Amino acid sequence: MQSENPLLADIAKLLNSAAGTVAGMGREARDAARERVKEAVGGLEFVSREEFDAVKDMAAKARDENEALKTRLAALEVKLAQKG
């Protein structure tokens, strides 16, 4: 008595091979897409969050210093106008 039909065994092997091939193609497509995105993004110049926050803090400090200098200049102009 035969426990396995050779035709069914061949079909099972074929389907198993096809599934492996499809899975491999999927991995290759995913890897290729990932590389394309890396190439596209790699050309752009992004800054890290830390760099952005540091520059933001520097800009805020510069604005505060600018306001202080404006106030000081206005006071000096008033003094100069009173003398003249």
N, C-alpha and C. Protein backbone atom coordinates (compact mmCIF):
# COMPACT_ATOMS: atom_id res chain seq x y z
N MET A 1 0.84 -1.19 0.00
CA MET A 1 0.00 0.00 0.00
C MET A 1 0.88 1.24 0.00
N GLN A 2 0.51 2.15 -0.88
CA GLN A 2 1.30 3.36 -1.03
C GLN A 2 0.76 4.43 -0.09
N SER A 3 1.68 5.06 0.69
CA SER A 3 1.22 6.02 1.68
C SER A 3 1.12 7.43 1.10
N GLU A 4 1.81 7.68 -0.01
CA GLU A 4 1.83 9.04 -0.55
C GLU A 4 1.71 8.98 -2.07
N ASN A 5 0.88 9.80 -2.60
CA ASN A 5 0.70 9.88 -4.05
C ASN A 5 1.84 10.71 -4.62
N PRO A 6 2.62 10.19 -5.58
CA PRO A 6 3.74 10.94 -6.14
C PRO A 6 3.32 12.25 -6.79
N LEU A 7 2.14 12.28 -7.40
CA LEU A 7 1.65 13.51 -8.04
C LEU A 7 1.40 14.59 -6.98
N LEU A 8 0.78 14.20 -5.89
CA LEU A 8 0.53 15.17 -4.81
C LEU A 8 1.84 15.62 -4.16
N ALA A 9 2.79 14.72 -4.04
CA ALA A 9 4.08 15.09 -3.46
C ALA A 9 4.79 16.09 -4.36
N ASP A 10 4.72 15.87 -5.68
CA ASP A 10 5.36 16.81 -6.62
C ASP A 10 4.67 18.18 -6.58
N ILE A 11 3.35 18.16 -6.48
CA ILE A 11 2.60 19.43 -6.40
C ILE A 11 2.97 20.16 -5.11
N ALA A 12 3.08 19.42 -4.02
CA ALA A 12 3.45 20.03 -2.74
C ALA A 12 4.85 20.63 -2.81
N LYS A 13 5.79 19.92 -3.44
CA LYS A 13 7.15 20.46 -3.60
C LYS A 13 7.14 21.72 -4.46
N LEU A 14 6.35 21.70 -5.53
CA LEU A 14 6.26 22.86 -6.42
C LEU A 14 5.69 24.06 -5.68
N LEU A 15 4.63 23.84 -4.92
CA LEU A 15 4.03 24.95 -4.17
C LEU A 15 4.98 25.47 -3.09
N ASN A 16 5.69 24.58 -2.46
CA ASN A 16 6.66 24.98 -1.44
C ASN A 16 7.77 25.82 -2.06
N SER A 17 8.26 25.40 -3.21
CA SER A 17 9.30 26.16 -3.91
C SER A 17 8.77 27.52 -4.36
N ALA A 18 7.54 27.53 -4.85
CA ALA A 18 6.93 28.80 -5.29
C ALA A 18 6.78 29.75 -4.12
N ALA A 19 6.37 29.23 -2.97
CA ALA A 19 6.22 30.08 -1.79
C ALA A 19 7.56 30.66 -1.37
N GLY A 20 8.61 29.84 -1.42
CA GLY A 20 9.94 30.34 -1.09
C GLY A 20 10.41 31.40 -2.06
N THR A 21 10.11 31.20 -3.35
CA THR A 21 10.50 32.17 -4.36
C THR A 21 9.76 33.49 -4.16
N VAL A 22 8.47 33.41 -3.89
CA VAL A 22 7.67 34.62 -3.66
C VAL A 22 8.17 35.35 -2.42
N ALA A 23 8.48 34.61 -1.38
CA ALA A 23 8.99 35.25 -0.16
C ALA A 23 10.33 35.92 -0.44
N GLY A 24 11.20 35.27 -1.21
CA GLY A 24 12.48 35.87 -1.56
C GLY A 24 12.31 37.12 -2.40
N MET A 25 11.37 37.08 -3.34
CA MET A 25 11.11 38.26 -4.16
C MET A 25 10.59 39.41 -3.31
N GLY A 26 9.76 39.09 -2.33
CA GLY A 26 9.25 40.12 -1.43
C GLY A 26 10.37 40.76 -0.63
N ARG A 27 11.29 39.94 -0.12
CA ARG A 27 12.43 40.49 0.62
C ARG A 27 13.30 41.36 -0.27
N GLU A 28 13.54 40.90 -1.51
CA GLU A 28 14.36 41.69 -2.43
C GLU A 28 13.68 43.01 -2.76
N ALA A 29 12.38 42.99 -2.99
CA ALA A 29 11.65 44.23 -3.30
C ALA A 29 11.69 45.19 -2.12
N ARG A 30 11.51 44.66 -0.91
CA ARG A 30 11.56 45.50 0.29
C ARG A 30 12.94 46.12 0.46
N ASP A 31 13.99 45.31 0.27
CA ASP A 31 15.35 45.82 0.42
C ASP A 31 15.67 46.86 -0.64
N ALA A 32 15.21 46.62 -1.88
CA ALA A 32 15.45 47.59 -2.96
C ALA A 32 14.73 48.91 -2.68
N ALA A 33 13.49 48.82 -2.19
CA ALA A 33 12.74 50.04 -1.86
C ALA A 33 13.42 50.79 -0.73
N ARG A 34 13.90 50.05 0.26
CA ARG A 34 14.59 50.68 1.39
C ARG A 34 15.84 51.41 0.91
N GLU A 35 16.60 50.80 0.00
CA GLU A 35 17.80 51.44 -0.54
C GLU A 35 17.46 52.70 -1.32
N ARG A 36 16.38 52.65 -2.10
CA ARG A 36 15.97 53.83 -2.87
C ARG A 36 15.59 54.98 -1.95
N VAL A 37 14.89 54.68 -0.87
CA VAL A 37 14.51 55.72 0.09
C VAL A 37 15.76 56.28 0.76
N LYS A 38 16.70 55.42 1.13
CA LYS A 38 17.94 55.90 1.75
C LYS A 38 18.69 56.82 0.80
N GLU A 39 18.74 56.46 -0.49
CA GLU A 39 19.43 57.30 -1.47
C GLU A 39 18.73 58.65 -1.62
N ALA A 40 17.40 58.62 -1.67
CA ALA A 40 16.64 59.86 -1.84
C ALA A 40 16.79 60.76 -0.62
N VAL A 41 16.70 60.19 0.55
CA VAL A 41 16.79 60.97 1.78
C VAL A 41 18.24 61.35 2.07
N GLY A 42 19.16 60.52 1.65
CA GLY A 42 20.57 60.79 1.90
C GLY A 42 21.06 62.07 1.25
N GLY A 43 20.45 62.47 0.15
CA GLY A 43 20.84 63.69 -0.52
C GLY A 43 20.35 64.94 0.18
N LEU A 44 19.36 64.78 1.03
CA LEU A 44 18.82 65.92 1.77
C LEU A 44 19.64 66.14 3.03
N GLU A 45 19.68 67.36 3.47
CA GLU A 45 20.46 67.68 4.65
C GLU A 45 19.53 67.88 5.84
N PHE A 46 19.38 66.85 6.62
CA PHE A 46 18.56 66.93 7.82
C PHE A 46 19.45 67.23 9.01
N VAL A 47 18.87 67.89 10.00
CA VAL A 47 19.61 68.14 11.24
C VAL A 47 18.97 67.30 12.34
N SER A 48 19.77 66.98 13.33
CA SER A 48 19.23 66.21 14.45
C SER A 48 18.38 67.12 15.33
N ARG A 49 17.58 66.52 16.16
CA ARG A 49 16.73 67.28 17.07
C ARG A 49 17.58 68.10 18.03
N GLU A 50 18.72 67.54 18.47
CA GLU A 50 19.60 68.24 19.39
C GLU A 50 20.18 69.50 18.72
N GLU A 51 20.60 69.35 17.45
CA GLU A 51 21.15 70.51 16.74
C GLU A 51 20.08 71.58 16.55
N PHE A 52 18.86 71.15 16.21
CA PHE A 52 17.77 72.10 16.02
C PHE A 52 17.48 72.86 17.31
N ASP A 53 17.40 72.13 18.42
CA ASP A 53 17.11 72.78 19.70
C ASP A 53 18.22 73.74 20.11
N ALA A 54 19.48 73.38 19.82
CA ALA A 54 20.61 74.25 20.16
C ALA A 54 20.53 75.56 19.36
N VAL A 55 20.24 75.46 18.09
CA VAL A 55 20.14 76.67 17.26
C VAL A 55 18.92 77.50 17.67
N LYS A 56 17.83 76.83 18.02
CA LYS A 56 16.64 77.53 18.48
C LYS A 56 16.94 78.33 19.75
N ASP A 57 17.67 77.71 20.68
CA ASP A 57 18.06 78.40 21.92
C ASP A 57 18.98 79.58 21.63
N MET A 58 19.91 79.40 20.70
CA MET A 58 20.82 80.49 20.33
C MET A 58 20.05 81.66 19.72
N ALA A 59 19.06 81.35 18.89
CA ALA A 59 18.25 82.42 18.27
C ALA A 59 17.44 83.17 19.32
N ALA A 60 16.88 82.44 20.28
CA ALA A 60 16.11 83.09 21.35
C ALA A 60 17.02 84.00 22.17
N LYS A 61 18.23 83.54 22.48
CA LYS A 61 19.18 84.36 23.24
C LYS A 61 19.56 85.60 22.44
N ALA A 62 19.78 85.45 21.13
CA ALA A 62 20.13 86.60 20.29
C ALA A 62 18.99 87.61 20.25
N ARG A 63 17.74 87.13 20.19
CA ARG A 63 16.59 88.05 20.21
C ARG A 63 16.53 88.82 21.52
N ASP A 64 16.77 88.12 22.63
CA ASP A 64 16.75 88.79 23.94
C ASP A 64 17.85 89.84 24.02
N GLU A 65 19.06 89.50 23.55
CA GLU A 65 20.17 90.46 23.57
C GLU A 65 19.86 91.65 22.67
N ASN A 66 19.22 91.40 21.53
CA ASN A 66 18.85 92.47 20.60
C ASN A 66 17.86 93.43 21.26
N GLU A 67 16.89 92.89 21.98
CA GLU A 67 15.91 93.74 22.67
C GLU A 67 16.59 94.58 23.75
N ALA A 68 17.52 93.96 24.48
CA ALA A 68 18.24 94.70 25.52
C ALA A 68 19.07 95.82 24.91
N LEU A 69 19.72 95.54 23.79
CA LEU A 69 20.52 96.58 23.12
C LEU A 69 19.65 97.69 22.56
N LYS A 70 18.46 97.36 22.06
CA LYS A 70 17.54 98.40 21.58
C LYS A 70 17.15 99.33 22.72
N THR A 71 16.85 98.74 23.87
CA THR A 71 16.47 99.54 25.04
C THR A 71 17.63 100.43 25.48
N ARG A 72 18.82 99.88 25.52
CA ARG A 72 20.01 100.64 25.92
C ARG A 72 20.29 101.77 24.92
N LEU A 73 20.15 101.47 23.63
CA LEU A 73 20.39 102.48 22.61
C LEU A 73 19.37 103.62 22.73
N ALA A 74 18.12 103.27 22.96
CA ALA A 74 17.09 104.30 23.10
C ALA A 74 17.39 105.19 24.31
N ALA A 75 17.85 104.60 25.39
CA ALA A 75 18.19 105.40 26.58
C ALA A 75 19.38 106.31 26.29
N LEU A 76 20.38 105.82 25.58
CA LEU A 76 21.53 106.65 25.23
C LEU A 76 21.15 107.77 24.28
N GLU A 77 20.25 107.51 23.35
CA GLU A 77 19.80 108.56 22.42
C GLU A 77 19.06 109.66 23.17
N VAL A 78 18.26 109.25 24.19
CA VAL A 78 17.55 110.26 24.99
C VAL A 78 18.55 111.12 25.74
N LYS A 79 19.56 110.49 26.34
CA LYS A 79 20.60 111.25 27.07
C LYS A 79 21.33 112.20 26.14
N LEU A 80 21.66 111.71 24.95
CA LEU A 80 22.39 112.53 23.99
C LEU A 80 21.52 113.73 23.54
N ALA A 81 20.25 113.52 23.34
CA ALA A 81 19.34 114.59 22.93
C ALA A 81 19.18 115.62 24.04
N GLN A 82 19.24 115.21 25.29
CA GLN A 82 19.09 116.13 26.42
C GLN A 82 20.33 117.00 26.56
N LYS A 83 21.50 116.45 26.24
CA LYS A 83 22.74 117.22 26.33
C LYS A 83 22.87 118.24 25.21
N GLY A 84 22.34 117.90 24.07
CA GLY A 84 22.53 118.73 22.89
C GLY A 84 21.52 119.78 22.78
